[in-house]
């Protein structure tokens, strides 16, 4: 979640104006997801939309800097410092084999549960979104059933 802007907050670097509208859309979606009723949902189920939006916002920042090279290093560092992207998740995306990682929970070893994170984008689009490691696991299971 981005930090609250005050008068003491440093001004954003040059280039922020170009992406500000999209980041505000993500913030609006996040507020809607947080205020959404969670009646009748499991405890973890109410967090799924929030995790999905957080992942999308982090992926947007990551792709702006590493894939499209559309923002400066200074702006990229400022965005991460202000909380517009998950620093740890982006660090994993930079490593080989973790490009499709949906969350850090998928690779936690202390739970003695890990899921296959190598999921094709085409499979992601076909499957309904299940957050956290359940998402990757469901796509894998579907692939096994239909082959």
C-alpha atoms as a PDB file:
ATOM      1  CA  UNK A   1       0.000   0.000   0.000  1.00  0.00           C
ATOM      2  CA  UNK A   2       1.479   3.362  -0.920  1.00  0.00           C
ATOM      3  CA  UNK A   3       2.423   5.672   1.908  1.00  0.00           C
ATOM      4  CA  UNK A   4       0.171   8.578   2.815  1.00  0.00           C
ATOM      5  CA  UNK A   5       1.246  11.789   1.124  1.00  0.00           C
ATOM      6  CA  UNK A   6       1.965  14.673   3.479  1.00  0.00           C
ATOM      7  CA  UNK A   7       3.694  18.011   3.140  1.00  0.00           C
ATOM      8  CA  UNK A   8       6.915  16.390   4.354  1.00  0.00           C
ATOM      9  CA  UNK A   9       6.836  13.699   1.663  1.00  0.00           C
ATOM     10  CA  UNK A  10       9.426  14.139  -1.058  1.00  0.00           C
ATOM     11  CA  UNK A  11       8.045  15.148  -4.422  1.00  0.00           C
ATOM     12  CA  UNK A  12       7.937  12.326  -6.970  1.00  0.00           C
ATOM     13  CA  UNK A  13      10.704  12.186  -9.566  1.00  0.00           C
ATOM     14  CA  UNK A  14      10.256  13.242 -13.155  1.00  0.00           C
ATOM     15  CA  UNK A  15       8.061  10.888 -15.151  1.00  0.00           C
ATOM     16  CA  UNK A  16       5.610  10.136 -12.356  1.00  0.00           C
ATOM     17  CA  UNK A  17       2.933  12.246 -14.023  1.00  0.00           C
ATOM     18  CA  UNK A  18       2.876   9.806 -16.956  1.00  0.00           C
ATOM     19  CA  UNK A  19       1.937   6.817 -14.784  1.00  0.00           C
ATOM     20  CA  UNK A  20       0.077   8.598 -11.978  1.00  0.00           C
ATOM     21  CA  UNK A  21      -3.379   7.974 -13.456  1.00  0.00           C
ATOM     22  CA  UNK A  22      -2.844   4.220 -13.713  1.00  0.00           C
ATOM     23  CA  UNK A  23      -1.486   4.019 -10.162  1.00  0.00           C
ATOM     24  CA  UNK A  24      -4.520   5.968  -8.924  1.00  0.00           C
ATOM     25  CA  UNK A  25      -6.772   3.437 -10.683  1.00  0.00           C
ATOM     26  CA  UNK A  26      -4.999   0.649  -8.800  1.00  0.00           C
ATOM     27  CA  UNK A  27      -5.465   2.583  -5.540  1.00  0.00           C
ATOM     28  CA  UNK A  28      -9.188   2.999  -6.256  1.00  0.00           C
ATOM     29  CA  UNK A  29      -9.560  -0.710  -7.032  1.00  0.00           C
ATOM     30  CA  UNK A  30      -7.695  -1.520  -3.809  1.00  0.00           C
ATOM     31  CA  UNK A  31     -10.032   0.680  -1.740  1.00  0.00           C
ATOM     32  CA  UNK A  32     -13.056  -0.982  -3.354  1.00  0.00           C
ATOM     33  CA  UNK A  33     -11.640  -4.436  -2.607  1.00  0.00           C
ATOM     34  CA  UNK A  34     -10.902  -3.495   1.008  1.00  0.00           C
ATOM     35  CA  UNK A  35     -14.401  -2.071   1.531  1.00  0.00           C
ATOM     36  CA  UNK A  36     -16.150  -4.973  -0.194  1.00  0.00           C
ATOM     37  CA  UNK A  37     -18.389  -7.045   2.043  1.00  0.00           C
ATOM     38  CA  UNK A  38     -16.851 -10.303   3.163  1.00  0.00           C
ATOM     39  CA  UNK A  39     -20.009 -11.832   4.546  1.00  0.00           C
ATOM     40  CA  UNK A  40     -20.202 -15.541   3.842  1.00  0.00           C
ATOM     41  CA  UNK A  41     -16.600 -15.771   2.688  1.00  0.00           C
ATOM     42  CA  UNK A  42     -13.794 -17.665   4.313  1.00  0.00           C
ATOM     43  CA  UNK A  43     -11.146 -15.581   6.058  1.00  0.00           C
ATOM     44  CA  UNK A  44      -8.544 -16.170   3.349  1.00  0.00           C
ATOM     45  CA  UNK A  45     -11.097 -15.702   0.579  1.00  0.00           C
ATOM     46  CA  UNK A  46     -11.706 -12.089   1.546  1.00  0.00           C
ATOM     47  CA  UNK A  47      -8.007 -11.302   0.950  1.00  0.00           C
ATOM     48  CA  UNK A  48      -7.890 -12.730  -2.575  1.00  0.00           C
ATOM     49  CA  UNK A  49      -8.987  -9.571  -4.439  1.00  0.00           C
ATOM     50  CA  UNK A  50      -6.481  -7.516  -2.446  1.00  0.00           C
ATOM     51  CA  UNK A  51      -3.649  -9.923  -3.295  1.00  0.00           C
ATOM     52  CA  UNK A  52      -4.658  -9.879  -6.945  1.00  0.00           C
ATOM     53  CA  UNK A  53      -4.561  -6.067  -7.165  1.00  0.00           C
ATOM     54  CA  UNK A  54      -1.280  -5.892  -5.262  1.00  0.00           C
ATOM     55  CA  UNK A  55       0.234  -8.432  -7.671  1.00  0.00           C
ATOM     56  CA  UNK A  56      -1.019  -6.505 -10.707  1.00  0.00           C
ATOM     57  CA  UNK A  57       0.359  -3.210  -9.412  1.00  0.00           C
ATOM     58  CA  UNK A  58       3.752  -4.775  -8.635  1.00  0.00           C
ATOM     59  CA  UNK A  59       3.843  -6.416 -12.062  1.00  0.00           C
ATOM     60  CA  UNK A  60       3.034  -3.056 -13.677  1.00  0.00           C
ATOM     61  CA  UNK A  61       5.957  -1.338 -11.920  1.00  0.00           C
ATOM     62  CA  UNK A  62       8.266  -4.258 -12.741  1.00  0.00           C
ATOM     63  CA  UNK A  63       7.375  -4.247 -16.436  1.00  0.00           C
ATOM     64  CA  UNK A  64       7.695  -0.468 -16.701  1.00  0.00           C
ATOM     65  CA  UNK A  65      11.296  -0.626 -15.565  1.00  0.00           C
ATOM     66  CA  UNK A  66      12.639  -4.004 -16.695  1.00  0.00           C
ATOM     67  CA  UNK A  67      10.589  -4.913 -19.765  1.00  0.00           C
ATOM     68  CA  UNK A  68       9.572  -1.629 -21.409  1.00  0.00           C
ATOM     69  CA  UNK A  69      12.322   0.539 -19.885  1.00  0.00           C
ATOM     70  CA  UNK A  70       9.805   3.382 -19.731  1.00  0.00           C
ATOM     71  CA  UNK A  71      10.816   4.844 -16.351  1.00  0.00           C
ATOM     72  CA  UNK A  72      14.091   5.973 -14.824  1.00  0.00           C
ATOM     73  CA  UNK A  73      15.954   4.163 -12.056  1.00  0.00           C
ATOM     74  CA  UNK A  74      15.231   7.086  -9.747  1.00  0.00           C
ATOM     75  CA  UNK A  75      11.469   6.817 -10.330  1.00  0.00           C
ATOM     76  CA  UNK A  76      11.572   3.022  -9.994  1.00  0.00           C
ATOM     77  CA  UNK A  77      13.357   3.243  -6.619  1.00  0.00           C
ATOM     78  CA  UNK A  78      10.932   5.938  -5.450  1.00  0.00           C
ATOM     79  CA  UNK A  79       7.910   3.813  -6.416  1.00  0.00           C
ATOM     80  CA  UNK A  80       9.239   0.837  -4.457  1.00  0.00           C
ATOM     81  CA  UNK A  81      10.139   3.011  -1.463  1.00  0.00           C
ATOM     82  CA  UNK A  82       6.639   4.504  -1.448  1.00  0.00           C
ATOM     83  CA  UNK A  83       5.051   1.038  -1.546  1.00  0.00           C
ATOM     84  CA  UNK A  84       3.694   0.922  -5.081  1.00  0.00           C
ATOM     85  CA  UNK A  85       5.349  -2.460  -5.653  1.00  0.00           C
ATOM     86  CA  UNK A  86       6.280  -5.499  -3.564  1.00  0.00           C
ATOM     87  CA  UNK A  87      10.087  -5.322  -3.367  1.00  0.00           C
ATOM     88  CA  UNK A  88      10.558  -8.990  -2.451  1.00  0.00           C
ATOM     89  CA  UNK A  89       8.253 -10.292  -5.162  1.00  0.00           C
ATOM     90  CA  UNK A  90       9.929  -8.144  -7.818  1.00  0.00           C
ATOM     91  CA  UNK A  91      13.327  -9.418  -6.642  1.00  0.00           C
ATOM     92  CA  UNK A  92      12.130 -12.980  -7.267  1.00  0.00           C
ATOM     93  CA  UNK A  93      10.728 -12.099 -10.707  1.00  0.00           C
ATOM     94  CA  UNK A  94      14.216 -10.977 -11.733  1.00  0.00           C
ATOM     95  CA  UNK A  95      15.618 -14.468 -11.030  1.00  0.00           C
ATOM     96  CA  UNK A  96      15.488 -17.230 -13.610  1.00  0.00           C
ATOM     97  CA  UNK A  97      12.635 -19.654 -13.005  1.00  0.00           C
ATOM     98  CA  UNK A  98      10.551 -17.278 -10.914  1.00  0.00           C
ATOM     99  CA  UNK A  99       9.206 -15.058 -13.704  1.00  0.00           C
ATOM    100  CA  UNK A 100       5.669 -16.408 -13.298  1.00  0.00           C
ATOM    101  CA  UNK A 101       5.569 -16.433  -9.505  1.00  0.00           C
ATOM    102  CA  UNK A 102       2.159 -15.317  -8.266  1.00  0.00           C
ATOM    103  CA  UNK A 103       3.149 -14.634  -4.662  1.00  0.00           C
ATOM    104  CA  UNK A 104       5.870 -15.310  -2.128  1.00  0.00           C
ATOM    105  CA  UNK A 105       3.667 -17.707  -0.229  1.00  0.00           C
ATOM    106  CA  UNK A 106       4.010 -20.190  -3.079  1.00  0.00           C
ATOM    107  CA  UNK A 107       7.683 -20.721  -2.313  1.00  0.00           C
ATOM    108  CA  UNK A 108       7.661 -20.619   1.485  1.00  0.00           C
ATOM    109  CA  UNK A 109       9.429 -23.687   2.773  1.00  0.00           C
ATOM    110  CA  UNK A 110       8.490 -23.394   6.432  1.00  0.00           C
ATOM    111  CA  UNK A 111       4.952 -24.556   5.650  1.00  0.00           C
ATOM    112  CA  UNK A 112       6.313 -27.718   3.960  1.00  0.00           C
ATOM    113  CA  UNK A 113       4.054 -26.906   1.048  1.00  0.00           C
ATOM    114  CA  UNK A 114       5.227 -25.511  -2.233  1.00  0.00           C
ATOM    115  CA  UNK A 115       3.435 -25.260  -5.524  1.00  0.00           C
ATOM    116  CA  UNK A 116       4.617 -25.359  -9.065  1.00  0.00           C
ATOM    117  CA  UNK A 117       5.023 -21.784 -10.139  1.00  0.00           C
ATOM    118  CA  UNK A 118       5.808 -22.495 -13.777  1.00  0.00           C
ATOM    119  CA  UNK A 119       2.394 -21.635 -15.202  1.00  0.00           C
ATOM    120  CA  UNK A 120       1.951 -20.428 -18.772  1.00  0.00           C
ATOM    121  CA  UNK A 121       0.198 -17.127 -19.383  1.00  0.00           C
ATOM    122  CA  UNK A 122      -2.281 -18.894 -21.676  1.00  0.00           C
ATOM    123  CA  UNK A 123      -3.248 -21.226 -18.844  1.00  0.00           C
ATOM    124  CA  UNK A 124      -3.658 -18.275 -16.513  1.00  0.00           C
ATOM    125  CA  UNK A 125      -6.092 -16.614 -18.897  1.00  0.00           C
ATOM    126  CA  UNK A 126      -8.150 -19.808 -19.255  1.00  0.00           C
ATOM    127  CA  UNK A 127      -8.374 -20.551 -15.540  1.00  0.00           C
ATOM    128  CA  UNK A 128     -10.415 -18.595 -13.078  1.00  0.00           C
ATOM    129  CA  UNK A 129      -8.228 -16.681 -10.675  1.00  0.00           C
ATOM    130  CA  UNK A 130      -7.492 -18.393  -7.412  1.00  0.00           C
ATOM    131  CA  UNK A 131      -5.093 -16.402  -5.331  1.00  0.00           C
ATOM    132  CA  UNK A 132      -1.910 -17.333  -3.611  1.00  0.00           C
ATOM    133  CA  UNK A 133      -0.552 -20.778  -4.245  1.00  0.00           C
ATOM    134  CA  UNK A 134      -3.971 -22.299  -4.889  1.00  0.00           C
ATOM    135  CA  UNK A 135      -4.030 -20.575  -8.260  1.00  0.00           C
ATOM    136  CA  UNK A 136      -0.888 -22.216  -9.612  1.00  0.00           C
ATOM    137  CA  UNK A 137      -1.884 -25.532  -8.109  1.00  0.00           C
ATOM    138  CA  UNK A 138      -5.325 -25.525  -9.747  1.00  0.00           C
ATOM    139  CA  UNK A 139      -3.885 -24.759 -13.174  1.00  0.00           C
ATOM    140  CA  UNK A 140      -1.386 -27.602 -12.767  1.00  0.00           C
ATOM    141  CA  UNK A 141      -4.111 -30.036 -11.722  1.00  0.00           C
ATOM    142  CA  UNK A 142      -6.293 -29.073 -14.680  1.00  0.00           C
ATOM    143  CA  UNK A 143      -3.414 -29.689 -17.047  1.00  0.00           C
ATOM    144  CA  UNK A 144      -2.907 -33.171 -15.568  1.00  0.00           C
ATOM    145  CA  UNK A 145      -6.588 -34.081 -15.807  1.00  0.00           C
ATOM    146  CA  UNK A 146      -6.993 -33.051 -19.444  1.00  0.00           C
ATOM    147  CA  UNK A 147      -3.802 -34.675 -20.747  1.00  0.00           C
END
